[in-house]
């Protein structure tokens, strides 16, 4: 890839931080986007210590369109057009709809959907002009097969999937690619910052092995170099996807039967 510059949202922890480390160690310049400035500064120092790549901290809320636009202007003016955008910002508790106030629903749409849209909108013109680049959206199995008691979370992940599917149509023949990457459970801070959600995982999902953030980052890096529309990890995720395509109603009933009950 000609331009070894990547912009990563959700870079302060989990898959985003691990991807920044992986790309930085491979000699990429990585722009780290997240709200927690202290975490970004620590990660920037860690990547600099490796010596291969360079990290630039851009502490901001990616759900703030004006802040993202200003950051994109700074990055483009100094470093040029990114070769990869990794939309890995994501949050949100799993709750029944009656237990999810509208304001919380709005916040859950901020990440991943609004953050991904704002970053895509800000950097896409340069990527189109270069006729090169990859947009990687880190989604959730909920965007394929919803389970009970995670309504707002599921809505936000379907919104991200909708963005990806629309981009696939819009980007045909442009040289820019959109990839939707779905993992099973990842051993990150997500369940620490969203207490109670882990108990809502359907029992059927336990057949999918957990991944570490470092393992997930390897998948993301491979996707940057060889983009595909849909990437599923680990292999058991691909198996469940095939089962859902062959017998969607049976899979829905299984997710409902093994999920959280009222």
C-alpha atoms as a PDB file:
ATOM      1  CA  UNK A   1       0.000   0.000   0.000  1.00  0.00           C
ATOM      2  CA  UNK A   2       1.519   3.311  -1.074  1.00  0.00           C
ATOM      3  CA  UNK A   3       0.351   5.384   1.888  1.00  0.00           C
ATOM      4  CA  UNK A   4       1.278   3.863   5.246  1.00  0.00           C
ATOM      5  CA  UNK A   5      -0.877   6.191   7.306  1.00  0.00           C
ATOM      6  CA  UNK A   6      -3.826   4.906   9.335  1.00  0.00           C
ATOM      7  CA  UNK A   7      -6.433   6.700  11.425  1.00  0.00           C
ATOM      8  CA  UNK A   8      -7.852   4.585  14.247  1.00  0.00           C
ATOM      9  CA  UNK A   9     -10.879   5.449  16.363  1.00  0.00           C
ATOM     10  CA  UNK A  10     -11.424   3.773  19.707  1.00  0.00           C
ATOM     11  CA  UNK A  11      -7.638   3.724  19.964  1.00  0.00           C
ATOM     12  CA  UNK A  12      -7.397   4.068  23.737  1.00  0.00           C
ATOM     13  CA  UNK A  13      -8.124   0.403  24.469  1.00  0.00           C
ATOM     14  CA  UNK A  14      -9.104  -2.996  23.111  1.00  0.00           C
ATOM     15  CA  UNK A  15      -8.935  -3.737  19.402  1.00  0.00           C
ATOM     16  CA  UNK A  16      -8.162  -0.127  18.491  1.00  0.00           C
ATOM     17  CA  UNK A  17      -5.110   0.074  20.755  1.00  0.00           C
ATOM     18  CA  UNK A  18      -3.885  -3.367  19.695  1.00  0.00           C
ATOM     19  CA  UNK A  19      -4.243  -2.450  16.014  1.00  0.00           C
ATOM     20  CA  UNK A  20      -2.290   0.762  16.604  1.00  0.00           C
ATOM     21  CA  UNK A  21       0.515  -1.244  18.197  1.00  0.00           C
ATOM     22  CA  UNK A  22       0.528  -3.773  15.360  1.00  0.00           C
ATOM     23  CA  UNK A  23       0.629  -1.145  12.620  1.00  0.00           C
ATOM     24  CA  UNK A  24       3.132   0.990  14.513  1.00  0.00           C
ATOM     25  CA  UNK A  25       5.496  -1.941  14.922  1.00  0.00           C
ATOM     26  CA  UNK A  26       5.198  -2.555  11.173  1.00  0.00           C
ATOM     27  CA  UNK A  27       6.350   0.987  10.400  1.00  0.00           C
ATOM     28  CA  UNK A  28       3.025   2.716   9.887  1.00  0.00           C
ATOM     29  CA  UNK A  29       2.228   6.193  11.124  1.00  0.00           C
ATOM     30  CA  UNK A  30      -0.954   5.874  13.174  1.00  0.00           C
ATOM     31  CA  UNK A  31      -3.307   8.664  14.206  1.00  0.00           C
ATOM     32  CA  UNK A  32      -4.938   7.702  17.497  1.00  0.00           C
ATOM     33  CA  UNK A  33      -8.467   8.972  18.051  1.00  0.00           C
ATOM     34  CA  UNK A  34     -10.319   8.545  21.357  1.00  0.00           C
ATOM     35  CA  UNK A  35     -11.669  10.624  24.222  1.00  0.00           C
ATOM     36  CA  UNK A  36      -9.171   9.481  26.881  1.00  0.00           C
ATOM     37  CA  UNK A  37      -6.131  11.678  26.315  1.00  0.00           C
ATOM     38  CA  UNK A  38      -4.043  10.027  29.040  1.00  0.00           C
ATOM     39  CA  UNK A  39      -4.437   6.620  27.424  1.00  0.00           C
ATOM     40  CA  UNK A  40      -3.541   8.003  23.997  1.00  0.00           C
ATOM     41  CA  UNK A  41      -0.391   9.656  25.357  1.00  0.00           C
ATOM     42  CA  UNK A  42       0.701   6.379  26.961  1.00  0.00           C
ATOM     43  CA  UNK A  43       0.079   4.457  23.752  1.00  0.00           C
ATOM     44  CA  UNK A  44       1.898   7.090  21.696  1.00  0.00           C
ATOM     45  CA  UNK A  45       4.954   6.714  23.927  1.00  0.00           C
ATOM     46  CA  UNK A  46       4.803   2.916  23.726  1.00  0.00           C
ATOM     47  CA  UNK A  47       4.694   2.949  19.929  1.00  0.00           C
ATOM     48  CA  UNK A  48       7.523   5.483  19.755  1.00  0.00           C
ATOM     49  CA  UNK A  49       9.636   3.227  21.983  1.00  0.00           C
ATOM     50  CA  UNK A  50       9.359   0.421  19.444  1.00  0.00           C
ATOM     51  CA  UNK A  51      10.997   2.719  16.918  1.00  0.00           C
ATOM     52  CA  UNK A  52       9.491   1.357  13.709  1.00  0.00           C
ATOM     53  CA  UNK A  53       6.468   3.607  13.266  1.00  0.00           C
ATOM     54  CA  UNK A  54       5.071   6.837  14.641  1.00  0.00           C
ATOM     55  CA  UNK A  55       1.937   7.619  16.603  1.00  0.00           C
ATOM     56  CA  UNK A  56       0.023  10.897  16.744  1.00  0.00           C
ATOM     57  CA  UNK A  57      -2.535  11.439  19.514  1.00  0.00           C
ATOM     58  CA  UNK A  58      -5.765  13.206  18.570  1.00  0.00           C
ATOM     59  CA  UNK A  59      -7.920  13.217  21.712  1.00  0.00           C
ATOM     60  CA  UNK A  60     -11.508  13.972  20.757  1.00  0.00           C
ATOM     61  CA  UNK A  61     -15.019  12.557  20.682  1.00  0.00           C
ATOM     62  CA  UNK A  62     -15.434  11.021  17.224  1.00  0.00           C
ATOM     63  CA  UNK A  63     -19.199  11.518  17.558  1.00  0.00           C
ATOM     64  CA  UNK A  64     -18.514  15.274  17.300  1.00  0.00           C
ATOM     65  CA  UNK A  65     -18.591  15.958  13.557  1.00  0.00           C
ATOM     66  CA  UNK A  66     -16.905  19.365  13.819  1.00  0.00           C
ATOM     67  CA  UNK A  67     -14.068  17.996  15.939  1.00  0.00           C
ATOM     68  CA  UNK A  68     -13.493  15.153  13.494  1.00  0.00           C
ATOM     69  CA  UNK A  69     -13.510  17.524  10.505  1.00  0.00           C
ATOM     70  CA  UNK A  70     -10.944  19.791  12.177  1.00  0.00           C
ATOM     71  CA  UNK A  71      -8.747  16.798  13.026  1.00  0.00           C
ATOM     72  CA  UNK A  72      -8.953  15.529   9.443  1.00  0.00           C
ATOM     73  CA  UNK A  73      -7.796  18.888   8.131  1.00  0.00           C
ATOM     74  CA  UNK A  74      -4.813  18.848  10.508  1.00  0.00           C
ATOM     75  CA  UNK A  75      -3.846  15.291   9.645  1.00  0.00           C
ATOM     76  CA  UNK A  76      -4.198  15.764   5.896  1.00  0.00           C
ATOM     77  CA  UNK A  77      -2.239  19.007   5.898  1.00  0.00           C
ATOM     78  CA  UNK A  78       0.699  17.504   7.786  1.00  0.00           C
ATOM     79  CA  UNK A  79       0.722  13.826   6.795  1.00  0.00           C
ATOM     80  CA  UNK A  80      -1.399  13.479   3.678  1.00  0.00           C
ATOM     81  CA  UNK A  81      -4.254  11.103   2.913  1.00  0.00           C
ATOM     82  CA  UNK A  82      -4.637   7.958   5.028  1.00  0.00           C
ATOM     83  CA  UNK A  83      -4.381   4.563   3.427  1.00  0.00           C
ATOM     84  CA  UNK A  84      -6.628   3.065   6.089  1.00  0.00           C
ATOM     85  CA  UNK A  85      -9.401   4.187   8.420  1.00  0.00           C
ATOM     86  CA  UNK A  86     -10.141   1.757  11.243  1.00  0.00           C
ATOM     87  CA  UNK A  87     -13.505   2.465  12.829  1.00  0.00           C
ATOM     88  CA  UNK A  88     -13.182   0.563  16.096  1.00  0.00           C
ATOM     89  CA  UNK A  89     -14.919   2.925  18.508  1.00  0.00           C
ATOM     90  CA  UNK A  90     -17.790   1.108  20.191  1.00  0.00           C
ATOM     91  CA  UNK A  91     -19.700   1.160  23.445  1.00  0.00           C
ATOM     92  CA  UNK A  92     -23.098   0.425  24.879  1.00  0.00           C
ATOM     93  CA  UNK A  93     -24.764  -1.711  27.498  1.00  0.00           C
ATOM     94  CA  UNK A  94     -27.101  -4.607  26.710  1.00  0.00           C
ATOM     95  CA  UNK A  95     -30.590  -3.912  28.008  1.00  0.00           C
ATOM     96  CA  UNK A  96     -34.257  -4.433  27.173  1.00  0.00           C
ATOM     97  CA  UNK A  97     -35.809  -1.543  25.210  1.00  0.00           C
ATOM     98  CA  UNK A  98     -37.984  -0.444  28.134  1.00  0.00           C
ATOM     99  CA  UNK A  99     -34.810  -0.158  30.231  1.00  0.00           C
ATOM    100  CA  UNK A 100     -33.023   1.979  27.635  1.00  0.00           C
ATOM    101  CA  UNK A 101     -34.007   5.667  27.777  1.00  0.00           C
ATOM    102  CA  UNK A 102     -33.971   7.526  24.446  1.00  0.00           C
ATOM    103  CA  UNK A 103     -30.974   9.590  25.556  1.00  0.00           C
ATOM    104  CA  UNK A 104     -29.007   6.407  26.128  1.00  0.00           C
ATOM    105  CA  UNK A 105     -30.043   5.141  22.709  1.00  0.00           C
ATOM    106  CA  UNK A 106     -28.648   8.333  21.196  1.00  0.00           C
ATOM    107  CA  UNK A 107     -25.341   7.896  23.040  1.00  0.00           C
ATOM    108  CA  UNK A 108     -25.082   4.323  21.827  1.00  0.00           C
ATOM    109  CA  UNK A 109     -25.510   5.470  18.231  1.00  0.00           C
ATOM    110  CA  UNK A 110     -22.508   7.770  18.755  1.00  0.00           C
ATOM    111  CA  UNK A 111     -20.186   4.764  18.774  1.00  0.00           C
ATOM    112  CA  UNK A 112     -19.865   2.945  16.537  1.00  0.00           C
ATOM    113  CA  UNK A 113     -22.191   4.486  13.947  1.00  0.00           C
ATOM    114  CA  UNK A 114     -21.774   8.271  14.164  1.00  0.00           C
ATOM    115  CA  UNK A 115     -18.050   8.033  14.879  1.00  0.00           C
ATOM    116  CA  UNK A 116     -17.572   5.820  11.817  1.00  0.00           C
ATOM    117  CA  UNK A 117     -19.670   8.063   9.603  1.00  0.00           C
ATOM    118  CA  UNK A 118     -17.846  11.235  10.636  1.00  0.00           C
ATOM    119  CA  UNK A 119     -14.399   9.737  10.078  1.00  0.00           C
ATOM    120  CA  UNK A 120     -15.455   8.282   6.736  1.00  0.00           C
ATOM    121  CA  UNK A 121     -16.993  11.564   5.614  1.00  0.00           C
ATOM    122  CA  UNK A 122     -13.937  13.563   6.665  1.00  0.00           C
ATOM    123  CA  UNK A 123     -11.279  11.444   4.948  1.00  0.00           C
ATOM    124  CA  UNK A 124     -13.124   9.887   2.012  1.00  0.00           C
ATOM    125  CA  UNK A 125     -12.619  12.753  -0.484  1.00  0.00           C
ATOM    126  CA  UNK A 126      -8.837  12.409  -0.252  1.00  0.00           C
ATOM    127  CA  UNK A 127      -9.008   8.634  -0.552  1.00  0.00           C
ATOM    128  CA  UNK A 128     -11.241   8.919  -3.597  1.00  0.00           C
ATOM    129  CA  UNK A 129      -8.822  11.378  -5.173  1.00  0.00           C
ATOM    130  CA  UNK A 130      -5.971   8.946  -4.516  1.00  0.00           C
ATOM    131  CA  UNK A 131      -8.139   6.044  -5.756  1.00  0.00           C
ATOM    132  CA  UNK A 132      -6.775   3.998  -2.884  1.00  0.00           C
ATOM    133  CA  UNK A 133      -7.540   3.078   0.708  1.00  0.00           C
ATOM    134  CA  UNK A 134      -9.471   0.787   3.017  1.00  0.00           C
ATOM    135  CA  UNK A 135     -12.285   1.551   5.449  1.00  0.00           C
ATOM    136  CA  UNK A 136     -12.406  -1.109   8.171  1.00  0.00           C
ATOM    137  CA  UNK A 137     -15.510  -1.160  10.375  1.00  0.00           C
ATOM    138  CA  UNK A 138     -15.302  -3.253  13.546  1.00  0.00           C
ATOM    139  CA  UNK A 139     -18.819  -4.528  14.072  1.00  0.00           C
ATOM    140  CA  UNK A 140     -20.616  -7.174  16.101  1.00  0.00           C
ATOM    141  CA  UNK A 141     -22.319 -10.535  15.487  1.00  0.00           C
ATOM    142  CA  UNK A 142     -25.492  -8.714  16.594  1.00  0.00           C
ATOM    143  CA  UNK A 143     -25.535  -7.086  13.150  1.00  0.00           C
ATOM    144  CA  UNK A 144     -26.104 -10.529  11.644  1.00  0.00           C
ATOM    145  CA  UNK A 145     -28.124 -12.363  14.299  1.00  0.00           C
ATOM    146  CA  UNK A 146     -29.673 -10.311  17.135  1.00  0.00           C
ATOM    147  CA  UNK A 147     -30.218 -11.816  20.554  1.00  0.00           C
ATOM    148  CA  UNK A 148     -32.703 -10.829  23.285  1.00  0.00           C
ATOM    149  CA  UNK A 149     -32.107  -7.955  25.705  1.00  0.00           C
ATOM    150  CA  UNK A 150     -29.634  -5.917  23.621  1.00  0.00           C
ATOM    151  CA  UNK A 151     -31.961  -3.749  21.549  1.00  0.00           C
ATOM    152  CA  UNK A 152     -30.128  -0.412  21.451  1.00  0.00           C
ATOM    153  CA  UNK A 153     -26.764  -2.144  21.100  1.00  0.00           C
ATOM    154  CA  UNK A 154     -28.113  -4.140  18.166  1.00  0.00           C
ATOM    155  CA  UNK A 155     -29.585  -1.049  16.506  1.00  0.00           C
ATOM    156  CA  UNK A 156     -26.243   0.752  16.651  1.00  0.00           C
ATOM    157  CA  UNK A 157     -24.418  -2.232  15.132  1.00  0.00           C
ATOM    158  CA  UNK A 158     -26.975  -2.572  12.360  1.00  0.00           C
ATOM    159  CA  UNK A 159     -26.484   1.116  11.624  1.00  0.00           C
ATOM    160  CA  UNK A 160     -22.758   0.480  11.202  1.00  0.00           C
ATOM    161  CA  UNK A 161     -23.507  -2.488   8.964  1.00  0.00           C
ATOM    162  CA  UNK A 162     -25.829  -0.270   6.925  1.00  0.00           C
ATOM    163  CA  UNK A 163     -23.039   2.276   6.480  1.00  0.00           C
ATOM    164  CA  UNK A 164     -20.694  -0.449   5.255  1.00  0.00           C
ATOM    165  CA  UNK A 165     -23.248  -1.945   2.857  1.00  0.00           C
ATOM    166  CA  UNK A 166     -24.050   1.478   1.410  1.00  0.00           C
ATOM    167  CA  UNK A 167     -20.350   2.240   1.000  1.00  0.00           C
ATOM    168  CA  UNK A 168     -19.845  -1.022  -0.875  1.00  0.00           C
ATOM    169  CA  UNK A 169     -22.262   0.265  -3.496  1.00  0.00           C
ATOM    170  CA  UNK A 170     -20.906   3.810  -3.509  1.00  0.00           C
ATOM    171  CA  UNK A 171     -17.248   2.807  -3.780  1.00  0.00           C
ATOM    172  CA  UNK A 172     -17.450   0.376  -6.687  1.00  0.00           C
ATOM    173  CA  UNK A 173     -14.703   1.136  -9.185  1.00  0.00           C
ATOM    174  CA  UNK A 174     -13.104   3.856  -7.045  1.00  0.00           C
ATOM    175  CA  UNK A 175     -10.133   1.913  -5.684  1.00  0.00           C
ATOM    176  CA  UNK A 176     -11.385   2.452  -2.116  1.00  0.00           C
ATOM    177  CA  UNK A 177     -12.694  -0.572  -0.202  1.00  0.00           C
ATOM    178  CA  UNK A 178     -15.055  -1.051   2.738  1.00  0.00           C
ATOM    179  CA  UNK A 179     -14.702  -4.069   5.039  1.00  0.00           C
ATOM    180  CA  UNK A 180     -17.028  -5.136   7.847  1.00  0.00           C
ATOM    181  CA  UNK A 181     -15.057  -7.142  10.420  1.00  0.00           C
ATOM    182  CA  UNK A 182     -16.935  -9.172  13.018  1.00  0.00           C
ATOM    183  CA  UNK A 183     -15.433 -10.925  16.022  1.00  0.00           C
ATOM    184  CA  UNK A 184     -16.904 -13.141  18.693  1.00  0.00           C
ATOM    185  CA  UNK A 185     -16.176 -12.170  22.276  1.00  0.00           C
ATOM    186  CA  UNK A 186     -12.900 -10.270  22.660  1.00  0.00           C
ATOM    187  CA  UNK A 187     -11.114 -10.143  26.019  1.00  0.00           C
ATOM    188  CA  UNK A 188     -11.012  -6.368  26.299  1.00  0.00           C
ATOM    189  CA  UNK A 189     -12.312  -3.777  28.763  1.00  0.00           C
ATOM    190  CA  UNK A 190     -15.751  -3.725  27.157  1.00  0.00           C
ATOM    191  CA  UNK A 191     -17.493  -5.804  29.786  1.00  0.00           C
ATOM    192  CA  UNK A 192     -15.710  -3.939  32.597  1.00  0.00           C
ATOM    193  CA  UNK A 193     -17.045  -0.599  31.353  1.00  0.00           C
ATOM    194  CA  UNK A 194     -20.486  -2.069  30.616  1.00  0.00           C
ATOM    195  CA  UNK A 195     -21.210  -4.026  33.804  1.00  0.00           C
ATOM    196  CA  UNK A 196     -23.881  -6.704  33.670  1.00  0.00           C
ATOM    197  CA  UNK A 197     -23.755  -7.122  29.908  1.00  0.00           C
ATOM    198  CA  UNK A 198     -21.689 -10.312  29.949  1.00  0.00           C
ATOM    199  CA  UNK A 199     -24.536 -12.224  31.596  1.00  0.00           C
ATOM    200  CA  UNK A 200     -26.734 -11.390  28.591  1.00  0.00           C
ATOM    201  CA  UNK A 201     -24.603 -13.339  26.083  1.00  0.00           C
ATOM    202  CA  UNK A 202     -26.675 -16.219  24.638  1.00  0.00           C
ATOM    203  CA  UNK A 203     -25.417 -19.643  25.703  1.00  0.00           C
ATOM    204  CA  UNK A 204     -25.115 -20.672  22.044  1.00  0.00           C
ATOM    205  CA  UNK A 205     -22.367 -18.051  21.624  1.00  0.00           C
ATOM    206  CA  UNK A 206     -20.137 -20.006  24.002  1.00  0.00           C
ATOM    207  CA  UNK A 207     -19.203 -22.305  21.138  1.00  0.00           C
ATOM    208  CA  UNK A 208     -17.205 -19.390  19.689  1.00  0.00           C
ATOM    209  CA  UNK A 209     -13.691 -19.182  21.200  1.00  0.00           C
ATOM    210  CA  UNK A 210     -12.660 -15.865  22.676  1.00  0.00           C
ATOM    211  CA  UNK A 211     -10.088 -13.720  20.891  1.00  0.00           C
ATOM    212  CA  UNK A 212      -7.522 -11.415  22.449  1.00  0.00           C
ATOM    213  CA  UNK A 213      -7.196  -7.829  21.219  1.00  0.00           C
ATOM    214  CA  UNK A 214      -3.823  -8.761  19.714  1.00  0.00           C
ATOM    215  CA  UNK A 215      -5.393 -11.624  17.748  1.00  0.00           C
ATOM    216  CA  UNK A 216      -8.149  -9.300  16.560  1.00  0.00           C
ATOM    217  CA  UNK A 217      -5.542  -6.738  15.519  1.00  0.00           C
ATOM    218  CA  UNK A 218      -3.819  -9.336  13.336  1.00  0.00           C
ATOM    219  CA  UNK A 219      -7.119  -9.875  11.536  1.00  0.00           C
ATOM    220  CA  UNK A 220      -7.563  -6.131  11.044  1.00  0.00           C
ATOM    221  CA  UNK A 221      -4.045  -5.748   9.642  1.00  0.00           C
ATOM    222  CA  UNK A 222      -4.618  -8.620   7.207  1.00  0.00           C
ATOM    223  CA  UNK A 223      -7.863  -6.982   6.138  1.00  0.00           C
ATOM    224  CA  UNK A 224      -6.094  -3.702   5.432  1.00  0.00           C
ATOM    225  CA  UNK A 225      -3.679  -5.474   3.091  1.00  0.00           C
ATOM    226  CA  UNK A 226      -6.300  -7.764   1.521  1.00  0.00           C
ATOM    227  CA  UNK A 227      -9.750  -6.190   2.035  1.00  0.00           C
ATOM    228  CA  UNK A 228     -12.883  -8.318   1.815  1.00  0.00           C
ATOM    229  CA  UNK A 229     -16.482  -7.146   2.266  1.00  0.00           C
ATOM    230  CA  UNK A 230     -17.127  -9.409   5.274  1.00  0.00           C
ATOM    231  CA  UNK A 231     -14.473 -10.794   7.617  1.00  0.00           C
ATOM    232  CA  UNK A 232     -15.440 -13.220  10.390  1.00  0.00           C
ATOM    233  CA  UNK A 233     -13.175 -14.375  13.223  1.00  0.00           C
ATOM    234  CA  UNK A 234     -12.632 -16.904  14.696  1.00  0.00           C
ATOM    235  CA  UNK A 235     -13.521 -19.743  12.337  1.00  0.00           C
ATOM    236  CA  UNK A 236     -16.536 -20.737  14.418  1.00  0.00           C
ATOM    237  CA  UNK A 237     -18.057 -17.343  13.578  1.00  0.00           C
ATOM    238  CA  UNK A 238     -17.926 -18.252   9.904  1.00  0.00           C
ATOM    239  CA  UNK A 239     -19.658 -21.541  10.689  1.00  0.00           C
ATOM    240  CA  UNK A 240     -22.472 -19.810  12.521  1.00  0.00           C
ATOM    241  CA  UNK A 241     -22.823 -17.363   9.643  1.00  0.00           C
ATOM    242  CA  UNK A 242     -23.271 -20.234   7.199  1.00  0.00           C
ATOM    243  CA  UNK A 243     -25.839 -21.835   9.524  1.00  0.00           C
ATOM    244  CA  UNK A 244     -27.757 -18.559   9.709  1.00  0.00           C
ATOM    245  CA  UNK A 245     -27.808 -18.190   5.937  1.00  0.00           C
ATOM    246  CA  UNK A 246     -29.089 -21.745   5.524  1.00  0.00           C
ATOM    247  CA  UNK A 247     -31.606 -21.753   8.383  1.00  0.00           C
ATOM    248  CA  UNK A 248     -32.230 -18.205   9.621  1.00  0.00           C
ATOM    249  CA  UNK A 249     -35.409 -18.896  11.579  1.00  0.00           C
ATOM    250  CA  UNK A 250     -33.897 -21.876  13.376  1.00  0.00           C
ATOM    251  CA  UNK A 251     -30.891 -19.740  14.347  1.00  0.00           C
ATOM    252  CA  UNK A 252     -33.156 -16.948  15.580  1.00  0.00           C
ATOM    253  CA  UNK A 253     -35.091 -19.395  17.739  1.00  0.00           C
ATOM    254  CA  UNK A 254     -31.852 -20.820  19.120  1.00  0.00           C
ATOM    255  CA  UNK A 255     -30.522 -17.367  20.001  1.00  0.00           C
ATOM    256  CA  UNK A 256     -33.808 -16.523  21.681  1.00  0.00           C
ATOM    257  CA  UNK A 257     -33.999 -19.814  23.570  1.00  0.00           C
ATOM    258  CA  UNK A 258     -30.441 -19.574  24.909  1.00  0.00           C
ATOM    259  CA  UNK A 259     -30.447 -15.819  25.498  1.00  0.00           C
ATOM    260  CA  UNK A 260     -31.400 -13.722  28.494  1.00  0.00           C
ATOM    261  CA  UNK A 261     -35.006 -14.160  29.546  1.00  0.00           C
ATOM    262  CA  UNK A 262     -37.393 -11.697  31.117  1.00  0.00           C
END
